[in-house]
Amino acid sequence: MSAAHPLPRRVPGYSNGELRRGGRRHAAVFSSSSHAAAGARRWARQVTGFPPAEASMLELVTSELVSNALQHTASGRPGGFFTIKIAFMTPSCLRLEVTDGGPRVTDKCSFPDWGGGPVDSDHGRGLAIVGEVSRRTGVLGVVGGPLTVWAILDRADLR
């Protein structure tokens, strides 16, 4: 990432601007700044145009996926980055993806744990919550490389 492109920045080939129609897609790259999760939530809300009642759940899922990328991968290191993509599969259904920067050099490589920790735990419940509010979830990639964690959200479920 060069200084000529301040983050977040639009990904070429995305953000085609077809409002509220199937096939609309957006993508942006964010840095590992302390405000990255807030910026990602704001961006997701703006590009979808969701009303507040629907945007709050979208923001929750965005926040959890971004927080995991920042906490558990090289995306959270100085100079790190992550990419968010939102694609409307139909006018009411979207796919939200967060692609991280790969594993930290010092960490053991692993896949995200969708099961979550104990219900009384302070940490480890985010992906379980994402799984509960999403139609489907998954991970693309191989252990040791960048991973894309995704969730399918239906607007009817977000109200």
Protein backbone atom coordinates (compact mmCIF):
# COMPACT_ATOMS: atom_id res chain seq x y z
CA MET A 1 0.00 0.00 0.00
CA SER A 2 1.54 3.27 -1.01
CA ALA A 3 1.00 6.63 0.67
CA ALA A 4 -0.61 7.87 -2.55
CA HIS A 5 -3.70 5.77 -1.73
CA PRO A 6 -4.99 6.65 1.74
CA LEU A 7 -7.01 3.83 3.27
CA PRO A 8 -9.83 2.94 3.04
CA ARG A 9 -9.89 2.94 -0.69
CA ARG A 10 -12.23 1.53 -3.29
CA VAL A 11 -11.18 -1.68 -4.99
CA PRO A 12 -11.16 -1.34 -8.82
CA GLY A 13 -14.01 -3.24 -10.48
CA TYR A 14 -16.35 -2.85 -7.51
CA SER A 15 -18.84 -0.21 -6.35
CA ASN A 16 -20.89 -0.29 -9.51
CA GLY A 17 -23.57 1.88 -7.89
CA GLU A 18 -26.71 -0.03 -8.89
CA LEU A 19 -28.78 0.83 -5.84
CA ARG A 20 -31.01 -1.86 -4.31
CA ARG A 21 -30.67 -4.28 -7.20
CA GLY A 22 -29.24 -7.78 -7.25
CA GLY A 23 -25.68 -7.85 -8.51
CA ARG A 24 -24.58 -4.62 -6.81
CA ARG A 25 -21.17 -5.07 -5.23
CA HIS A 26 -18.71 -2.98 -3.26
CA ALA A 27 -15.20 -3.49 -1.90
CA ALA A 28 -12.71 -1.40 0.05
CA VAL A 29 -9.31 -1.87 1.66
CA PHE A 30 -8.80 -0.65 5.24
CA SER A 31 -5.63 -0.16 7.28
CA SER A 32 -4.96 -1.53 10.75
CA SER A 33 -5.60 1.80 12.44
CA SER A 34 -7.28 2.03 15.83
CA HIS A 35 -10.42 3.28 14.06
CA ALA A 36 -10.55 0.50 11.44
CA ALA A 37 -13.60 -1.31 12.83
CA ALA A 38 -15.59 1.93 13.17
CA GLY A 39 -14.63 2.94 9.62
CA ALA A 40 -15.61 -0.48 8.29
CA ARG A 41 -19.01 -0.30 10.01
CA ARG A 42 -19.65 3.19 8.63
CA TRP A 43 -18.59 2.10 5.13
CA ALA A 44 -20.89 -0.97 5.19
CA ARG A 45 -23.83 1.15 6.32
CA GLN A 46 -23.17 3.76 3.62
CA VAL A 47 -22.71 1.43 0.64
CA THR A 48 -25.76 -0.68 1.47
CA GLY A 49 -28.03 2.27 2.21
CA PHE A 50 -29.78 0.22 4.90
CA PRO A 51 -32.12 2.03 7.28
CA PRO A 52 -31.01 2.11 10.95
CA ALA A 53 -33.15 -0.90 11.96
CA GLU A 54 -31.36 -3.13 9.43
CA ALA A 55 -27.96 -1.45 9.60
CA SER A 56 -27.38 -2.27 13.27
CA MET A 57 -27.16 -6.04 12.63
CA LEU A 58 -25.05 -5.49 9.50
CA GLU A 59 -22.70 -3.34 11.60
CA LEU A 60 -22.51 -6.04 14.30
CA VAL A 61 -21.47 -8.71 11.79
CA THR A 62 -19.01 -6.33 10.11
CA SER A 63 -17.50 -5.40 13.45
CA GLU A 64 -17.06 -9.02 14.57
CA LEU A 65 -15.42 -10.14 11.32
CA VAL A 66 -13.12 -7.10 11.19
CA SER A 67 -12.20 -7.42 14.88
CA ASN A 68 -11.22 -11.05 14.36
CA ALA A 69 -9.04 -10.15 11.39
CA LEU A 70 -7.32 -7.41 13.39
CA GLN A 71 -6.88 -9.49 16.55
CA HIS A 72 -5.83 -12.83 15.10
CA THR A 73 -3.94 -12.09 11.85
CA ALA A 74 -1.25 -9.90 10.32
CA SER A 75 -4.02 -7.42 9.48
CA GLY A 76 -3.71 -6.06 13.03
CA ARG A 77 0.03 -5.45 12.86
CA PRO A 78 1.51 -2.05 11.93
CA GLY A 79 1.18 -1.67 8.17
CA GLY A 80 -1.48 -4.39 8.07
CA PHE A 81 -4.67 -4.19 6.06
CA PHE A 82 -7.88 -6.08 5.32
CA THR A 83 -10.43 -6.02 2.52
CA ILE A 84 -14.20 -5.94 2.91
CA LYS A 85 -16.55 -6.94 0.11
CA ILE A 86 -20.31 -6.65 0.07
CA ALA A 87 -22.25 -8.21 -2.79
CA PHE A 88 -26.03 -8.18 -3.16
CA MET A 89 -26.98 -11.65 -4.37
CA THR A 90 -30.64 -10.56 -4.62
CA PRO A 91 -32.30 -7.27 -3.61
CA SER A 92 -32.83 -8.68 -0.10
CA CYS A 93 -29.81 -10.95 0.39
CA LEU A 94 -26.14 -9.96 0.65
CA ARG A 95 -22.78 -11.59 1.18
CA LEU A 96 -20.31 -9.82 3.49
CA GLU A 97 -16.66 -10.89 3.28
CA VAL A 98 -13.58 -9.86 5.23
CA THR A 99 -10.22 -10.98 3.84
CA ASP A 100 -7.32 -10.75 6.27
CA GLY A 101 -3.61 -10.22 5.66
CA GLY A 102 -2.62 -13.80 6.47
CA PRO A 103 -1.20 -15.22 9.70
CA ARG A 104 1.17 -13.36 11.95
CA VAL A 105 4.70 -14.67 11.58
CA THR A 106 4.91 -15.49 15.29
CA ASP A 107 1.53 -17.26 15.60
CA LYS A 108 0.44 -20.82 14.99
CA CYS A 109 -1.66 -20.96 11.82
CA SER A 110 -5.30 -21.90 12.34
CA PHE A 111 -8.83 -21.59 10.99
CA PRO A 112 -11.48 -19.48 12.71
CA ASP A 113 -13.45 -21.32 15.40
CA TRP A 114 -17.18 -20.96 14.74
CA GLY A 115 -18.16 -22.87 17.88
CA GLY A 116 -17.33 -20.06 20.28
CA GLY A 117 -16.12 -20.33 23.83
CA PRO A 118 -18.15 -20.94 26.95
CA VAL A 119 -21.22 -18.70 27.22
CA ASP A 120 -19.79 -16.97 30.30
CA SER A 121 -16.44 -16.25 28.60
CA ASP A 122 -15.30 -12.66 28.00
CA HIS A 123 -13.85 -13.56 24.60
CA GLY A 124 -14.39 -16.00 21.76
CA ARG A 125 -18.13 -15.57 21.18
CA GLY A 126 -18.06 -13.27 18.12
CA LEU A 127 -18.14 -15.87 15.35
CA ALA A 128 -20.81 -17.86 17.18
CA ILE A 129 -22.96 -14.72 17.24
CA VAL A 130 -22.27 -14.09 13.54
CA GLY A 131 -23.35 -17.68 12.85
CA GLU A 132 -26.61 -17.17 14.74
CA VAL A 133 -27.67 -14.00 12.89
CA SER A 134 -26.54 -15.11 9.40
CA ARG A 135 -28.17 -17.44 6.91
CA ARG A 136 -24.81 -19.11 6.16
CA THR A 137 -21.18 -18.55 7.07
CA GLY A 138 -17.86 -19.91 5.94
CA VAL A 139 -14.16 -19.49 5.31
CA LEU A 140 -12.24 -19.47 2.03
CA GLY A 141 -8.50 -20.05 1.89
CA VAL A 142 -5.90 -22.39 3.30
CA VAL A 143 -4.26 -22.45 6.71
CA GLY A 144 -1.08 -20.39 6.50
CA GLY A 145 -2.40 -17.92 3.93
CA PRO A 146 -4.88 -15.05 3.90
CA LEU A 147 -8.40 -16.17 4.81
CA THR A 148 -11.75 -14.77 3.71
CA VAL A 149 -14.46 -15.12 6.34
CA TRP A 150 -17.95 -14.58 4.95
CA ALA A 151 -21.56 -14.37 6.05
CA ILE A 152 -24.81 -14.34 4.08
CA LEU A 153 -27.36 -11.91 5.53
CA ASP A 154 -31.01 -11.59 4.59
CA ARG A 155 -32.55 -8.16 5.13
CA ALA A 156 -35.72 -9.76 6.53
CA ASP A 157 -33.63 -11.28 9.34
CA LEU A 158 -31.99 -7.94 10.15
CA ARG A 159 -35.19 -6.20 11.26
